[in-house]
Amino acid sequence: MGVLTAVKERLLEKLVAAAVPAEALEKARRLLETVVRDATVAAHALSKDALHRIKTHLVDILPSLSPALTTKMVDEAEKEVEAEAETNENKEESISTNNNYQESNKPSSRL
């Protein structure tokens, strides 16, 4: 889960706790989802543009390497980082799920 998505969820929790009217809460939820979606799309586009610039500039900086090789190197590095990020995200979700399970199964101290 991205930072903006986490902020959105936390903010919605706070608005619910503050007893915001349902209609206003729904409008806030839609606004937050739109902003998070737009930011995510913009970040993706910026990342793709940056990777393209890296590929084209490496060809100029490293003339001893073929354009195909530099492109392949950048693509492989991107895929490796994405795979690591996905692995880390899965680990975080697993830890969160485990913590939630442990919290819900704690014995009650009430007698």
PDB file of N, CA and C in Angstrom:
ATOM      1  N   MET A   1       0.853  -1.170   0.000  1.00  0.00           N
ATOM      2  CA  MET A   1       0.000   0.000   0.000  1.00  0.00           C
ATOM      3  C   MET A   1       0.897   1.230   0.000  1.00  0.00           C
ATOM      4  N   GLY A   2       0.595   2.168  -0.884  1.00  0.00           N
ATOM      5  CA  GLY A   2       1.385   3.381  -0.963  1.00  0.00           C
ATOM      6  C   GLY A   2       1.088   4.335   0.185  1.00  0.00           C
ATOM      7  N   VAL A   3       1.961   5.294   0.334  1.00  0.00           N
ATOM      8  CA  VAL A   3       1.815   6.270   1.416  1.00  0.00           C
ATOM      9  C   VAL A   3       0.513   7.049   1.269  1.00  0.00           C
ATOM     10  N   LEU A   4       0.224   7.511   0.070  1.00  0.00           N
ATOM     11  CA  LEU A   4      -1.011   8.284  -0.116  1.00  0.00           C
ATOM     12  C   LEU A   4      -2.246   7.448   0.187  1.00  0.00           C
ATOM     13  N   THR A   5      -2.229   6.198  -0.204  1.00  0.00           N
ATOM     14  CA  THR A   5      -3.364   5.321   0.080  1.00  0.00           C
ATOM     15  C   THR A   5      -3.515   5.130   1.582  1.00  0.00           C
ATOM     16  N   ALA A   6      -2.405   4.962   2.274  1.00  0.00           N
ATOM     17  CA  ALA A   6      -2.444   4.808   3.727  1.00  0.00           C
ATOM     18  C   ALA A   6      -2.956   6.083   4.397  1.00  0.00           C
ATOM     19  N   VAL A   7      -2.515   7.242   3.895  1.00  0.00           N
ATOM     20  CA  VAL A   7      -2.997   8.523   4.443  1.00  0.00           C
ATOM     21  C   VAL A   7      -4.496   8.647   4.205  1.00  0.00           C
ATOM     22  N   LYS A   8      -4.929   8.274   3.009  1.00  0.00           N
ATOM     23  CA  LYS A   8      -6.363   8.343   2.691  1.00  0.00           C
ATOM     24  C   LYS A   8      -7.167   7.486   3.673  1.00  0.00           C
ATOM     25  N   GLU A   9      -6.732   6.255   3.878  1.00  0.00           N
ATOM     26  CA  GLU A   9      -7.446   5.351   4.790  1.00  0.00           C
ATOM     27  C   GLU A   9      -7.473   5.899   6.210  1.00  0.00           C
ATOM     28  N   ARG A  10      -6.332   6.380   6.681  1.00  0.00           N
ATOM     29  CA  ARG A  10      -6.237   6.917   8.039  1.00  0.00           C
ATOM     30  C   ARG A  10      -7.132   8.136   8.193  1.00  0.00           C
ATOM     31  N   LEU A  11      -7.131   9.021   7.193  1.00  0.00           N
ATOM     32  CA  LEU A  11      -7.955  10.216   7.246  1.00  0.00           C
ATOM     33  C   LEU A  11      -9.440   9.853   7.270  1.00  0.00           C
ATOM     34  N   LEU A  12      -9.822   8.878   6.456  1.00  0.00           N
ATOM     35  CA  LEU A  12     -11.220   8.446   6.468  1.00  0.00           C
ATOM     36  C   LEU A  12     -11.614   7.881   7.832  1.00  0.00           C
ATOM     37  N   GLU A  13     -10.714   7.144   8.465  1.00  0.00           N
ATOM     38  CA  GLU A  13     -10.975   6.631   9.816  1.00  0.00           C
ATOM     39  C   GLU A  13     -11.204   7.786  10.791  1.00  0.00           C
ATOM     40  N   LYS A  14     -10.374   8.815  10.681  1.00  0.00           N
ATOM     41  CA  LYS A  14     -10.499   9.967  11.568  1.00  0.00           C
ATOM     42  C   LYS A  14     -11.802  10.722  11.325  1.00  0.00           C
ATOM     43  N   LEU A  15     -12.203  10.828  10.060  1.00  0.00           N
ATOM     44  CA  LEU A  15     -13.456  11.504   9.739  1.00  0.00           C
ATOM     45  C   LEU A  15     -14.656  10.727  10.269  1.00  0.00           C
ATOM     46  N   VAL A  16     -14.587   9.404  10.179  1.00  0.00           N
ATOM     47  CA  VAL A  16     -15.661   8.568  10.731  1.00  0.00           C
ATOM     48  C   VAL A  16     -15.728   8.766  12.244  1.00  0.00           C
ATOM     49  N   ALA A  17     -14.572   8.766  12.896  1.00  0.00           N
ATOM     50  CA  ALA A  17     -14.515   8.936  14.347  1.00  0.00           C
ATOM     51  C   ALA A  17     -15.015  10.318  14.765  1.00  0.00           C
ATOM     52  N   ALA A  18     -14.853  11.300  13.877  1.00  0.00           N
ATOM     53  CA  ALA A  18     -15.303  12.653  14.183  1.00  0.00           C
ATOM     54  C   ALA A  18     -16.790  12.844  13.901  1.00  0.00           C
ATOM     55  N   ALA A  19     -17.466  11.774  13.542  1.00  0.00           N
ATOM     56  CA  ALA A  19     -18.911  11.795  13.278  1.00  0.00           C
ATOM     57  C   ALA A  19     -19.286  12.782  12.171  1.00  0.00           C
ATOM     58  N   VAL A  20     -18.497  12.762  11.097  1.00  0.00           N
ATOM     59  CA  VAL A  20     -18.805  13.579   9.930  1.00  0.00           C
ATOM     60  C   VAL A  20     -20.062  13.013   9.279  1.00  0.00           C
ATOM     61  N   PRO A  21     -20.993  13.879   8.841  1.00  0.00           N
ATOM     62  CA  PRO A  21     -22.213  13.394   8.195  1.00  0.00           C
ATOM     63  C   PRO A  21     -21.901  12.488   6.996  1.00  0.00           C
ATOM     64  N   ALA A  22     -22.753  11.519   6.760  1.00  0.00           N
ATOM     65  CA  ALA A  22     -22.522  10.499   5.727  1.00  0.00           C
ATOM     66  C   ALA A  22     -22.295  11.106   4.347  1.00  0.00           C
ATOM     67  N   GLU A  23     -23.083  12.096   3.983  1.00  0.00           N
ATOM     68  CA  GLU A  23     -22.941  12.705   2.663  1.00  0.00           C
ATOM     69  C   GLU A  23     -21.579  13.392   2.521  1.00  0.00           C
ATOM     70  N   ALA A  24     -21.162  14.119   3.529  1.00  0.00           N
ATOM     71  CA  ALA A  24     -19.862  14.786   3.500  1.00  0.00           C
ATOM     72  C   ALA A  24     -18.733  13.759   3.502  1.00  0.00           C
ATOM     73  N   LEU A  25     -18.907  12.688   4.249  1.00  0.00           N
ATOM     74  CA  LEU A  25     -17.901  11.631   4.298  1.00  0.00           C
ATOM     75  C   LEU A  25     -17.730  10.985   2.926  1.00  0.00           C
ATOM     76  N   GLU A  26     -18.838  10.753   2.242  1.00  0.00           N
ATOM     77  CA  GLU A  26     -18.794  10.167   0.905  1.00  0.00           C
ATOM     78  C   GLU A  26     -18.089  11.109  -0.074  1.00  0.00           C
ATOM     79  N   LYS A  27     -18.385  12.406   0.005  1.00  0.00           N
ATOM     80  CA  LYS A  27     -17.716  13.379  -0.861  1.00  0.00           C
ATOM     81  C   LYS A  27     -16.220  13.410  -0.575  1.00  0.00           C
ATOM     82  N   ALA A  28     -15.842  13.355   0.689  1.00  0.00           N
ATOM     83  CA  ALA A  28     -14.432  13.348   1.069  1.00  0.00           C
ATOM     84  C   ALA A  28     -13.751  12.084   0.546  1.00  0.00           C
ATOM     85  N   ARG A  29     -14.428  10.945   0.668  1.00  0.00           N
ATOM     86  CA  ARG A  29     -13.872   9.679   0.179  1.00  0.00           C
ATOM     87  C   ARG A  29     -13.620   9.745  -1.323  1.00  0.00           C
ATOM     88  N   ARG A  30     -14.587  10.266  -2.072  1.00  0.00           N
ATOM     89  CA  ARG A  30     -14.428  10.380  -3.524  1.00  0.00           C
ATOM     90  C   ARG A  30     -13.284  11.321  -3.885  1.00  0.00           C
ATOM     91  N   LEU A  31     -13.184  12.443  -3.173  1.00  0.00           N
ATOM     92  CA  LEU A  31     -12.107  13.392  -3.419  1.00  0.00           C
ATOM     93  C   LEU A  31     -10.751  12.731  -3.167  1.00  0.00           C
ATOM     94  N   LEU A  32     -10.626  12.065  -2.033  1.00  0.00           N
ATOM     95  CA  LEU A  32      -9.361  11.419  -1.684  1.00  0.00           C
ATOM     96  C   LEU A  32      -8.984  10.340  -2.691  1.00  0.00           C
ATOM     97  N   GLU A  33      -9.949   9.540  -3.113  1.00  0.00           N
ATOM     98  CA  GLU A  33      -9.667   8.495  -4.090  1.00  0.00           C
ATOM     99  C   GLU A  33      -9.220   9.086  -5.425  1.00  0.00           C
ATOM    100  N   THR A  34      -9.848  10.190  -5.833  1.00  0.00           N
ATOM    101  CA  THR A  34      -9.479  10.843  -7.084  1.00  0.00           C
ATOM    102  C   THR A  34      -8.055  11.398  -6.999  1.00  0.00           C
ATOM    103  N   VAL A  35      -7.742  12.054  -5.896  1.00  0.00           N
ATOM    104  CA  VAL A  35      -6.409  12.637  -5.732  1.00  0.00           C
ATOM    105  C   VAL A  35      -5.341  11.541  -5.708  1.00  0.00           C
ATOM    106  N   VAL A  36      -5.593  10.470  -4.976  1.00  0.00           N
ATOM    107  CA  VAL A  36      -4.628   9.363  -4.904  1.00  0.00           C
ATOM    108  C   VAL A  36      -4.449   8.729  -6.276  1.00  0.00           C
ATOM    109  N   ARG A  37      -5.546   8.506  -6.989  1.00  0.00           N
ATOM    110  CA  ARG A  37      -5.465   7.908  -8.329  1.00  0.00           C
ATOM    111  C   ARG A  37      -4.692   8.820  -9.278  1.00  0.00           C
ATOM    112  N   ASP A  38      -5.003  10.129  -9.273  1.00  0.00           N
ATOM    113  CA  ASP A  38      -4.305  11.070 -10.151  1.00  0.00           C
ATOM    114  C   ASP A  38      -2.814  11.134  -9.831  1.00  0.00           C
ATOM    115  N   ALA A  39      -2.475  11.147  -8.561  1.00  0.00           N
ATOM    116  CA  ALA A  39      -1.068  11.199  -8.155  1.00  0.00           C
ATOM    117  C   ALA A  39      -0.344   9.923  -8.569  1.00  0.00           C
ATOM    118  N   THR A  40      -1.019   8.792  -8.445  1.00  0.00           N
ATOM    119  CA  THR A  40      -0.421   7.515  -8.827  1.00  0.00           C
ATOM    120  C   THR A  40      -0.156   7.466 -10.328  1.00  0.00           C
ATOM    121  N   VAL A  41      -1.115   7.923 -11.111  1.00  0.00           N
ATOM    122  CA  VAL A  41      -0.945   7.945 -12.573  1.00  0.00           C
ATOM    123  C   VAL A  41       0.177   8.900 -12.949  1.00  0.00           C
ATOM    124  N   ALA A  42       0.211  10.068 -12.326  1.00  0.00           N
ATOM    125  CA  ALA A  42       1.254  11.049 -12.625  1.00  0.00           C
ATOM    126  C   ALA A  42       2.636  10.502 -12.247  1.00  0.00           C
ATOM    127  N   ALA A  43       2.729   9.863 -11.093  1.00  0.00           N
ATOM    128  CA  ALA A  43       4.009   9.300 -10.662  1.00  0.00           C
ATOM    129  C   ALA A  43       4.473   8.212 -11.621  1.00  0.00           C
ATOM    130  N   HIS A  44       3.552   7.388 -12.087  1.00  0.00           N
ATOM    131  CA  HIS A  44       3.895   6.327 -13.043  1.00  0.00           C
ATOM    132  C   HIS A  44       4.428   6.938 -14.337  1.00  0.00           C
ATOM    133  N   ALA A  45       3.746   7.974 -14.822  1.00  0.00           N
ATOM    134  CA  ALA A  45       4.179   8.630 -16.063  1.00  0.00           C
ATOM    135  C   ALA A  45       5.554   9.274 -15.883  1.00  0.00           C
ATOM    136  N   LEU A  46       5.782   9.915 -14.750  1.00  0.00           N
ATOM    137  CA  LEU A  46       7.089  10.525 -14.487  1.00  0.00           C
ATOM    138  C   LEU A  46       8.187   9.465 -14.426  1.00  0.00           C
ATOM    139  N   SER A  47       7.877   8.343 -13.800  1.00  0.00           N
ATOM    140  CA  SER A  47       8.856   7.261 -13.703  1.00  0.00           C
ATOM    141  C   SER A  47       9.214   6.724 -15.081  1.00  0.00           C
ATOM    142  N   LYS A  48       8.209   6.508 -15.907  1.00  0.00           N
ATOM    143  CA  LYS A  48       8.461   5.999 -17.260  1.00  0.00           C
ATOM    144  C   LYS A  48       9.274   6.998 -18.069  1.00  0.00           C
ATOM    145  N   ASP A  49       8.971   8.291 -17.939  1.00  0.00           N
ATOM    146  CA  ASP A  49       9.720   9.324 -18.636  1.00  0.00           C
ATOM    147  C   ASP A  49      11.175   9.341 -18.165  1.00  0.00           C
ATOM    148  N   ALA A  50      11.374   9.236 -16.855  1.00  0.00           N
ATOM    149  CA  ALA A  50      12.731   9.235 -16.300  1.00  0.00           C
ATOM    150  C   ALA A  50      13.519   8.030 -16.810  1.00  0.00           C
ATOM    151  N   LEU A  51      12.895   6.870 -16.852  1.00  0.00           N
ATOM    152  CA  LEU A  51      13.582   5.678 -17.359  1.00  0.00           C
ATOM    153  C   LEU A  51      13.953   5.833 -18.836  1.00  0.00           C
ATOM    154  N   HIS A  52      13.072   6.435 -19.611  1.00  0.00           N
ATOM    155  CA  HIS A  52      13.362   6.670 -21.024  1.00  0.00           C
ATOM    156  C   HIS A  52      14.556   7.613 -21.175  1.00  0.00           C
ATOM    157  N   ARG A  53      14.577   8.667 -20.357  1.00  0.00           N
ATOM    158  CA  ARG A  53      15.698   9.616 -20.404  1.00  0.00           C
ATOM    159  C   ARG A  53      17.005   8.933 -20.017  1.00  0.00           C
ATOM    160  N   ILE A  54      16.942   8.076 -19.002  1.00  0.00           N
ATOM    161  CA  ILE A  54      18.145   7.343 -18.592  1.00  0.00           C
ATOM    162  C   ILE A  54      18.659   6.499 -19.758  1.00  0.00           C
ATOM    163  N   LYS A  55      17.758   5.782 -20.409  1.00  0.00           N
ATOM    164  CA  LYS A  55      18.153   4.920 -21.532  1.00  0.00           C
ATOM    165  C   LYS A  55      18.827   5.732 -22.636  1.00  0.00           C
ATOM    166  N   THR A  56      18.203   6.835 -23.014  1.00  0.00           N
ATOM    167  CA  THR A  56      18.746   7.616 -24.131  1.00  0.00           C
ATOM    168  C   THR A  56      20.058   8.301 -23.759  1.00  0.00           C
ATOM    169  N   HIS A  57      20.188   8.758 -22.533  1.00  0.00           N
ATOM    170  CA  HIS A  57      21.422   9.433 -22.127  1.00  0.00           C
ATOM    171  C   HIS A  57      22.570   8.449 -21.913  1.00  0.00           C
ATOM    172  N   LEU A  58      22.275   7.257 -21.459  1.00  0.00           N
ATOM    173  CA  LEU A  58      23.339   6.266 -21.286  1.00  0.00           C
ATOM    174  C   LEU A  58      23.996   5.926 -22.614  1.00  0.00           C
ATOM    175  N   VAL A  59      23.211   5.926 -23.663  1.00  0.00           N
ATOM    176  CA  VAL A  59      23.758   5.651 -24.995  1.00  0.00           C
ATOM    177  C   VAL A  59      24.804   6.708 -25.345  1.00  0.00           C
ATOM    178  N   ASP A  60      24.514   7.972 -25.004  1.00  0.00           N
ATOM    179  CA  ASP A  60      25.463   9.055 -25.286  1.00  0.00           C
ATOM    180  C   ASP A  60      26.678   8.999 -24.368  1.00  0.00           C
ATOM    181  N   ILE A  61      26.459   8.677 -23.100  1.00  0.00           N
ATOM    182  CA  ILE A  61      27.533   8.681 -22.107  1.00  0.00           C
ATOM    183  C   ILE A  61      28.449   7.474 -22.273  1.00  0.00           C
ATOM    184  N   LEU A  62      27.871   6.350 -22.667  1.00  0.00           N
ATOM    185  CA  LEU A  62      28.620   5.098 -22.792  1.00  0.00           C
ATOM    186  C   LEU A  62      28.594   4.598 -24.235  1.00  0.00           C
ATOM    187  N   PRO A  63      29.310   5.272 -25.134  1.00  0.00           N
ATOM    188  CA  PRO A  63      29.245   4.869 -26.543  1.00  0.00           C
ATOM    189  C   PRO A  63      29.812   3.471 -26.816  1.00  0.00           C
ATOM    190  N   SER A  64      30.589   2.946 -25.863  1.00  0.00           N
ATOM    191  CA  SER A  64      31.145   1.606 -26.074  1.00  0.00           C
ATOM    192  C   SER A  64      30.085   0.513 -25.931  1.00  0.00           C
ATOM    193  N   LEU A  65      28.950   0.855 -25.314  1.00  0.00           N
ATOM    194  CA  LEU A  65      27.848  -0.105 -25.179  1.00  0.00           C
ATOM    195  C   LEU A  65      26.794   0.190 -26.234  1.00  0.00           C
ATOM    196  N   SER A  66      26.223  -0.859 -26.777  1.00  0.00           N
ATOM    197  CA  SER A  66      25.203  -0.660 -27.806  1.00  0.00           C
ATOM    198  C   SER A  66      23.926  -0.120 -27.166  1.00  0.00           C
ATOM    199  N   PRO A  67      23.117   0.608 -27.938  1.00  0.00           N
ATOM    200  CA  PRO A  67      21.837   1.091 -27.417  1.00  0.00           C
ATOM    201  C   PRO A  67      20.945  -0.056 -26.923  1.00  0.00           C
ATOM    202  N   ALA A  68      20.994  -1.183 -27.608  1.00  0.00           N
ATOM    203  CA  ALA A  68      20.180  -2.333 -27.187  1.00  0.00           C
ATOM    204  C   ALA A  68      20.634  -2.842 -25.821  1.00  0.00           C
ATOM    205  N   LEU A  69      21.938  -2.865 -25.597  1.00  0.00           N
ATOM    206  CA  LEU A  69      22.464  -3.355 -24.330  1.00  0.00           C
ATOM    207  C   LEU A  69      22.119  -2.403 -23.185  1.00  0.00           C
ATOM    208  N   THR A  70      22.278  -1.108 -23.409  1.00  0.00           N
ATOM    209  CA  THR A  70      21.943  -0.158 -22.327  1.00  0.00           C
ATOM    210  C   THR A  70      20.457  -0.207 -22.009  1.00  0.00           C
ATOM    211  N   THR A  71      19.637  -0.312 -23.035  1.00  0.00           N
ATOM    212  CA  THR A  71      18.187  -0.425 -22.810  1.00  0.00           C
ATOM    213  C   THR A  71      17.874  -1.684 -22.016  1.00  0.00           C
ATOM    214  N   LYS A  72      18.505  -2.783 -22.385  1.00  0.00           N
ATOM    215  CA  LYS A  72      18.284  -4.048 -21.682  1.00  0.00           C
ATOM    216  C   LYS A  72      18.711  -3.936 -20.218  1.00  0.00           C
ATOM    217  N   MET A  73      19.848  -3.295 -19.972  1.00  0.00           N
ATOM    218  CA  MET A  73      20.338  -3.135 -18.600  1.00  0.00           C
ATOM    219  C   MET A  73      19.361  -2.324 -17.752  1.00  0.00           C
ATOM    220  N   VAL A  74      18.843  -1.233 -18.304  1.00  0.00           N
ATOM    221  CA  VAL A  74      17.877  -0.400 -17.576  1.00  0.00           C
ATOM    222  C   VAL A  74      16.594  -1.182 -17.325  1.00  0.00           C
ATOM    223  N   ASP A  75      16.115  -1.885 -18.346  1.00  0.00           N
ATOM    224  CA  ASP A  75      14.891  -2.678 -18.196  1.00  0.00           C
ATOM    225  C   ASP A  75      15.051  -3.761 -17.127  1.00  0.00           C
ATOM    226  N   GLU A  76      16.195  -4.435 -17.132  1.00  0.00           N
ATOM    227  CA  GLU A  76      16.437  -5.478 -16.129  1.00  0.00           C
ATOM    228  C   GLU A  76      16.507  -4.885 -14.720  1.00  0.00           C
ATOM    229  N   ALA A  77      17.191  -3.756 -14.584  1.00  0.00           N
ATOM    230  CA  ALA A  77      17.284  -3.114 -13.266  1.00  0.00           C
ATOM    231  C   ALA A  77      15.896  -2.723 -12.765  1.00  0.00           C
ATOM    232  N   GLU A  78      15.077  -2.194 -13.664  1.00  0.00           N
ATOM    233  CA  GLU A  78      13.708  -1.810 -13.287  1.00  0.00           C
ATOM    234  C   GLU A  78      12.910  -3.029 -12.820  1.00  0.00           C
ATOM    235  N   LYS A  79      12.991  -4.116 -13.569  1.00  0.00           N
ATOM    236  CA  LYS A  79      12.245  -5.329 -13.213  1.00  0.00           C
ATOM    237  C   LYS A  79      12.718  -5.903 -11.880  1.00  0.00           C
ATOM    238  N   GLU A  80      14.026  -5.875 -11.642  1.00  0.00           N
ATOM    239  CA  GLU A  80      14.559  -6.382 -10.378  1.00  0.00           C
ATOM    240  C   GLU A  80      14.044  -5.560  -9.194  1.00  0.00           C
ATOM    241  N   VAL A  81      14.060  -4.245  -9.350  1.00  0.00           N
ATOM    242  CA  VAL A  81      13.587  -3.369  -8.272  1.00  0.00           C
ATOM    243  C   VAL A  81      12.093  -3.557  -8.041  1.00  0.00           C
ATOM    244  N   GLU A  82      11.325  -3.677  -9.114  1.00  0.00           N
ATOM    245  CA  GLU A  82       9.892  -3.897  -8.971  1.00  0.00           C
ATOM    246  C   GLU A  82       9.608  -5.220  -8.261  1.00  0.00           C
ATOM    247  N   ALA A  83      10.361  -6.251  -8.587  1.00  0.00           N
ATOM    248  CA  ALA A  83      10.177  -7.551  -7.935  1.00  0.00           C
ATOM    249  C   ALA A  83      10.515  -7.462  -6.451  1.00  0.00           C
ATOM    250  N   GLU A  84      11.589  -6.749  -6.109  1.00  0.00           N
ATOM    251  CA  GLU A  84      11.953  -6.565  -4.704  1.00  0.00           C
ATOM    252  C   GLU A  84      10.875  -5.786  -3.964  1.00  0.00           C
ATOM    253  N   ALA A  85      10.361  -4.745  -4.597  1.00  0.00           N
ATOM    254  CA  ALA A  85       9.322  -3.933  -3.966  1.00  0.00           C
ATOM    255  C   ALA A  85       8.066  -4.764  -3.728  1.00  0.00           C
ATOM    256  N   GLU A  86       7.721  -5.603  -4.692  1.00  0.00           N
ATOM    257  CA  GLU A  86       6.543  -6.465  -4.544  1.00  0.00           C
ATOM    258  C   GLU A  86       6.751  -7.465  -3.416  1.00  0.00           C
ATOM    259  N   THR A  87       7.951  -8.027  -3.330  1.00  0.00           N
ATOM    260  CA  THR A  87       8.271  -8.966  -2.254  1.00  0.00           C
ATOM    261  C   THR A  87       8.161  -8.275  -0.900  1.00  0.00           C
ATOM    262  N   ASN A  88       8.710  -7.074  -0.795  1.00  0.00           N
ATOM    263  CA  ASN A  88       8.642  -6.324   0.463  1.00  0.00           C
ATOM    264  C   ASN A  88       7.203  -5.970   0.828  1.00  0.00           C
ATOM    265  N   GLU A  89       6.405  -5.623  -0.180  1.00  0.00           N
ATOM    266  CA  GLU A  89       5.001  -5.291   0.065  1.00  0.00           C
ATOM    267  C   GLU A  89       4.249  -6.514   0.570  1.00  0.00           C
ATOM    268  N   ASN A  90       4.525  -7.668  -0.028  1.00  0.00           N
ATOM    269  CA  ASN A  90       3.874  -8.905   0.413  1.00  0.00           C
ATOM    270  C   ASN A  90       4.271  -9.246   1.842  1.00  0.00           C
ATOM    271  N   LYS A  91       5.553  -9.026   2.185  1.00  0.00           N
ATOM    272  CA  LYS A  91       6.007  -9.279   3.553  1.00  0.00           C
ATOM    273  C   LYS A  91       5.289  -8.359   4.533  1.00  0.00           C
ATOM    274  N   GLU A  92       5.156  -7.079   4.170  1.00  0.00           N
ATOM    275  CA  GLU A  92       4.483  -6.115   5.038  1.00  0.00           C
ATOM    276  C   GLU A  92       3.020  -6.500   5.242  1.00  0.00           C
ATOM    277  N   GLU A  93       2.361  -6.920   4.176  1.00  0.00           N
ATOM    278  CA  GLU A  93       0.964  -7.348   4.290  1.00  0.00           C
ATOM    279  C   GLU A  93       0.849  -8.568   5.175  1.00  0.00           C
ATOM    280  N   SER A  94       1.780  -9.502   5.035  1.00  0.00           N
ATOM    281  CA  SER A  94       1.777 -10.712   5.852  1.00  0.00           C
ATOM    282  C   SER A  94       1.974 -10.366   7.326  1.00  0.00           C
ATOM    283  N   ILE A  95       2.908  -9.470   7.606  1.00  0.00           N
ATOM    284  CA  ILE A  95       3.161  -9.048   8.992  1.00  0.00           C
ATOM    285  C   ILE A  95       1.929  -8.354   9.559  1.00  0.00           C
ATOM    286  N   SER A  96       1.322  -7.487   8.767  1.00  0.00           N
ATOM    287  CA  SER A  96       0.130  -6.768   9.216  1.00  0.00           C
ATOM    288  C   SER A  96      -1.012  -7.726   9.498  1.00  0.00           C
ATOM    289  N   THR A  97      -1.206  -8.688   8.613  1.00  0.00           N
ATOM    290  CA  THR A  97      -2.262  -9.680   8.805  1.00  0.00           C
ATOM    291  C   THR A  97      -1.996 -10.503  10.056  1.00  0.00           C
ATOM    292  N   ASN A  98      -0.753 -10.900  10.256  1.00  0.00           N
ATOM    293  CA  ASN A  98      -0.375 -11.682  11.426  1.00  0.00           C
ATOM    294  C   ASN A  98      -0.595 -10.882  12.703  1.00  0.00           C
ATOM    295  N   ASN A  99      -0.212  -9.609  12.700  1.00  0.00           N
ATOM    296  CA  ASN A  99      -0.410  -8.762  13.877  1.00  0.00           C
ATOM    297  C   ASN A  99      -1.887  -8.584  14.184  1.00  0.00           C
ATOM    298  N   ASN A 100      -2.690  -8.399  13.142  1.00  0.00           N
ATOM    299  CA  ASN A 100      -4.134  -8.251  13.351  1.00  0.00           C
ATOM    300  C   ASN A 100      -4.719  -9.539  13.926  1.00  0.00           C
ATOM    301  N   TYR A 101      -4.241 -10.685  13.442  1.00  0.00           N
ATOM    302  CA  TYR A 101      -4.716 -11.972  13.940  1.00  0.00           C
ATOM    303  C   TYR A 101      -4.343 -12.124  15.408  1.00  0.00           C
ATOM    304  N   GLN A 102      -3.096 -11.788  15.747  1.00  0.00           N
ATOM    305  CA  GLN A 102      -2.648 -11.911  17.126  1.00  0.00           C
ATOM    306  C   GLN A 102      -3.436 -10.991  18.050  1.00  0.00           C
ATOM    307  N   GLU A 103      -3.721  -9.769  17.598  1.00  0.00           N
ATOM    308  CA  GLU A 103      -4.480  -8.822  18.409  1.00  0.00           C
ATOM    309  C   GLU A 103      -5.901  -9.340  18.661  1.00  0.00           C
ATOM    310  N   SER A 104      -6.500  -9.935  17.648  1.00  0.00           N
ATOM    311  CA  SER A 104      -7.881 -10.396  17.796  1.00  0.00           C
ATOM    312  C   SER A 104      -7.976 -11.670  18.637  1.00  0.00           C
ATOM    313  N   ASN A 105      -6.862 -12.389  18.797  1.00  0.00           N
ATOM    314  CA  ASN A 105      -6.874 -13.632  19.556  1.00  0.00           C
ATOM    315  C   ASN A 105      -6.202 -13.531  20.926  1.00  0.00           C
ATOM    316  N   LYS A 106      -5.950 -12.285  21.363  1.00  0.00           N
ATOM    317  CA  LYS A 106      -5.379 -12.128  22.700  1.00  0.00           C
ATOM    318  C   LYS A 106      -6.408 -12.520  23.746  1.00  0.00           C
ATOM    319  N   PRO A 107      -5.993 -13.213  24.774  1.00  0.00           N
ATOM    320  CA  PRO A 107      -6.951 -13.575  25.808  1.00  0.00           C
ATOM    321  C   PRO A 107      -7.400 -12.316  26.568  1.00  0.00           C
ATOM    322  N   SER A 108      -8.631 -12.333  26.929  1.00  0.00           N
ATOM    323  CA  SER A 108      -9.207 -11.212  27.662  1.00  0.00           C
ATOM    324  C   SER A 108      -8.782 -11.310  29.126  1.00  0.00           C
ATOM    325  N   SER A 109      -8.461 -10.161  29.708  1.00  0.00           N
ATOM    326  CA  SER A 109      -8.044 -10.168  31.123  1.00  0.00           C
ATOM    327  C   SER A 109      -9.241  -9.972  32.041  1.00  0.00           C
ATOM    328  N   ARG A 110     -10.428  -9.837  31.457  1.00  0.00           N
ATOM    329  CA  ARG A 110     -11.627  -9.675  32.293  1.00  0.00           C
ATOM    330  C   ARG A 110     -12.005 -10.987  32.929  1.00  0.00           C
ATOM    331  N   LEU A 111     -12.382 -10.911  34.166  1.00  0.00           N
ATOM    332  CA  LEU A 111     -12.811 -12.114  34.879  1.00  0.00           C
ATOM    333  C   LEU A 111     -14.281 -12.096  35.169  1.00  0.00           C
TER     334      LEU A 111
END
